[in-house]
Amino acid sequence: MNNRDKVLKQKKDEHRENKMIEAVADLFWEYDRMSSSGKETLDNLAILVGIPTQEEFEKDIHNACT
C-alpha cells in the first residue's frame, strides 16, 4: 500500500469514526424514552467512543450551574 492509499484509508477511517460518534451522541435525545437496558447500552457505547455518559453530562451541567 502506497502513501496515498494509506492517507485515503486513514481519512475514511476518521470519517467513519466521526459519524459513529455523532450517531451515539444523537441517541441521547431519546435517553428518557429508553428502557434501563437501552440506557445502559448507550452509556457503554458512549464510553467506547469517548463521549460523556448521561450521568457525566448531568454532573457537568449541575457543576456549571453551582
C-alpha atoms as a PDB file:
ATOM      1  CA  MET A   1       0.000   0.000   0.000  1.00  0.00           C
ATOM      2  CA  ASN A   2       1.492   3.332  -1.041  1.00  0.00           C
ATOM      3  CA  ASN A   3       1.376   6.569   0.972  1.00  0.00           C
ATOM      4  CA  ARG A   4      -1.598   7.947  -0.943  1.00  0.00           C
ATOM      5  CA  ASP A   5      -3.645   4.825  -0.235  1.00  0.00           C
ATOM      6  CA  LYS A   6      -2.646   4.936   3.450  1.00  0.00           C
ATOM      7  CA  VAL A   7      -3.731   8.571   3.741  1.00  0.00           C
ATOM      8  CA  LEU A   8      -7.037   7.859   1.991  1.00  0.00           C
ATOM      9  CA  LYS A   9      -7.704   4.883   4.267  1.00  0.00           C
ATOM     10  CA  GLN A  10      -6.884   6.970   7.348  1.00  0.00           C
ATOM     11  CA  LYS A  11      -9.253   9.733   6.215  1.00  0.00           C
ATOM     12  CA  LYS A  12     -12.003   7.208   5.517  1.00  0.00           C
ATOM     13  CA  ASP A  13     -11.491   5.621   8.966  1.00  0.00           C
ATOM     14  CA  GLU A  14     -11.584   9.059  10.647  1.00  0.00           C
ATOM     15  CA  HIS A  15     -14.786   9.933   8.798  1.00  0.00           C
ATOM     16  CA  ARG A  16     -16.395   6.632   9.834  1.00  0.00           C
ATOM     17  CA  GLU A  17     -15.334   7.193  13.458  1.00  0.00           C
ATOM     18  CA  ASN A  18     -16.732  10.729  13.479  1.00  0.00           C
ATOM     19  CA  LYS A  19     -20.033   9.515  12.041  1.00  0.00           C
ATOM     20  CA  MET A  20     -20.233   6.806  14.708  1.00  0.00           C
ATOM     21  CA  ILE A  21     -19.573   9.337  17.498  1.00  0.00           C
ATOM     22  CA  GLU A  22     -22.278  11.625  16.074  1.00  0.00           C
ATOM     23  CA  ALA A  23     -24.754   8.738  15.903  1.00  0.00           C
ATOM     24  CA  VAL A  24     -24.113   7.719  19.516  1.00  0.00           C
ATOM     25  CA  ALA A  25     -24.421  11.341  20.675  1.00  0.00           C
ATOM     26  CA  ASP A  26     -27.704  11.732  18.744  1.00  0.00           C
ATOM     27  CA  LEU A  27     -29.192   8.760  20.582  1.00  0.00           C
ATOM     28  CA  PHE A  28     -29.031  10.700  23.852  1.00  0.00           C
ATOM     29  CA  TRP A  29     -32.007  12.751  22.624  1.00  0.00           C
ATOM     30  CA  GLU A  30     -34.063   9.584  23.202  1.00  0.00           C
ATOM     31  CA  TYR A  31     -32.467   8.687  26.551  1.00  0.00           C
ATOM     32  CA  ASP A  32     -35.598   9.365  28.649  1.00  0.00           C
ATOM     33  CA  ARG A  33     -37.671   7.066  26.430  1.00  0.00           C
ATOM     34  CA  MET A  34     -35.234   4.139  26.648  1.00  0.00           C
ATOM     35  CA  SER A  35     -35.539   1.082  28.816  1.00  0.00           C
ATOM     36  CA  SER A  36     -32.971   0.672  31.564  1.00  0.00           C
ATOM     37  CA  SER A  37     -31.051  -1.835  29.440  1.00  0.00           C
ATOM     38  CA  GLY A  38     -31.134   0.562  26.469  1.00  0.00           C
ATOM     39  CA  LYS A  39     -29.739   3.333  28.681  1.00  0.00           C
ATOM     40  CA  GLU A  40     -27.014   1.027  29.942  1.00  0.00           C
ATOM     41  CA  THR A  41     -26.082   0.028  26.397  1.00  0.00           C
ATOM     42  CA  LEU A  42     -25.992   3.650  25.245  1.00  0.00           C
ATOM     43  CA  ASP A  43     -23.807   4.632  28.198  1.00  0.00           C
ATOM     44  CA  ASN A  44     -21.441   1.769  27.334  1.00  0.00           C
ATOM     45  CA  LEU A  45     -21.305   2.925  23.701  1.00  0.00           C
ATOM     46  CA  ALA A  46     -20.554   6.472  24.874  1.00  0.00           C
ATOM     47  CA  ILE A  47     -17.628   5.179  26.915  1.00  0.00           C
ATOM     48  CA  LEU A  48     -16.331   3.211  23.917  1.00  0.00           C
ATOM     49  CA  VAL A  49     -16.404   6.218  21.584  1.00  0.00           C
ATOM     50  CA  GLY A  50     -15.100   8.637  24.221  1.00  0.00           C
ATOM     51  CA  ILE A  51     -18.063  10.908  24.911  1.00  0.00           C
ATOM     52  CA  PRO A  52     -19.702  11.625  28.287  1.00  0.00           C
ATOM     53  CA  THR A  53     -22.380   9.295  29.580  1.00  0.00           C
ATOM     54  CA  GLN A  54     -25.735  10.760  30.605  1.00  0.00           C
ATOM     55  CA  GLU A  55     -24.640  10.766  34.259  1.00  0.00           C
ATOM     56  CA  GLU A  56     -21.370  12.546  33.446  1.00  0.00           C
ATOM     57  CA  PHE A  57     -23.216  15.094  31.325  1.00  0.00           C
ATOM     58  CA  GLU A  58     -25.742  15.791  34.089  1.00  0.00           C
ATOM     59  CA  LYS A  59     -22.926  16.161  36.643  1.00  0.00           C
ATOM     60  CA  ASP A  60     -21.143  18.666  34.389  1.00  0.00           C
ATOM     61  CA  ILE A  61     -24.356  20.671  33.943  1.00  0.00           C
ATOM     62  CA  HIS A  62     -25.001  20.634  37.692  1.00  0.00           C
ATOM     63  CA  ASN A  63     -21.442  21.764  38.456  1.00  0.00           C
ATOM     64  CA  ALA A  64     -21.679  24.534  35.872  1.00  0.00           C
ATOM     65  CA  CYS A  65     -24.860  25.859  37.495  1.00  0.00           C
ATOM     66  CA  THR A  66     -23.474  25.957  41.045  1.00  0.00           C
END
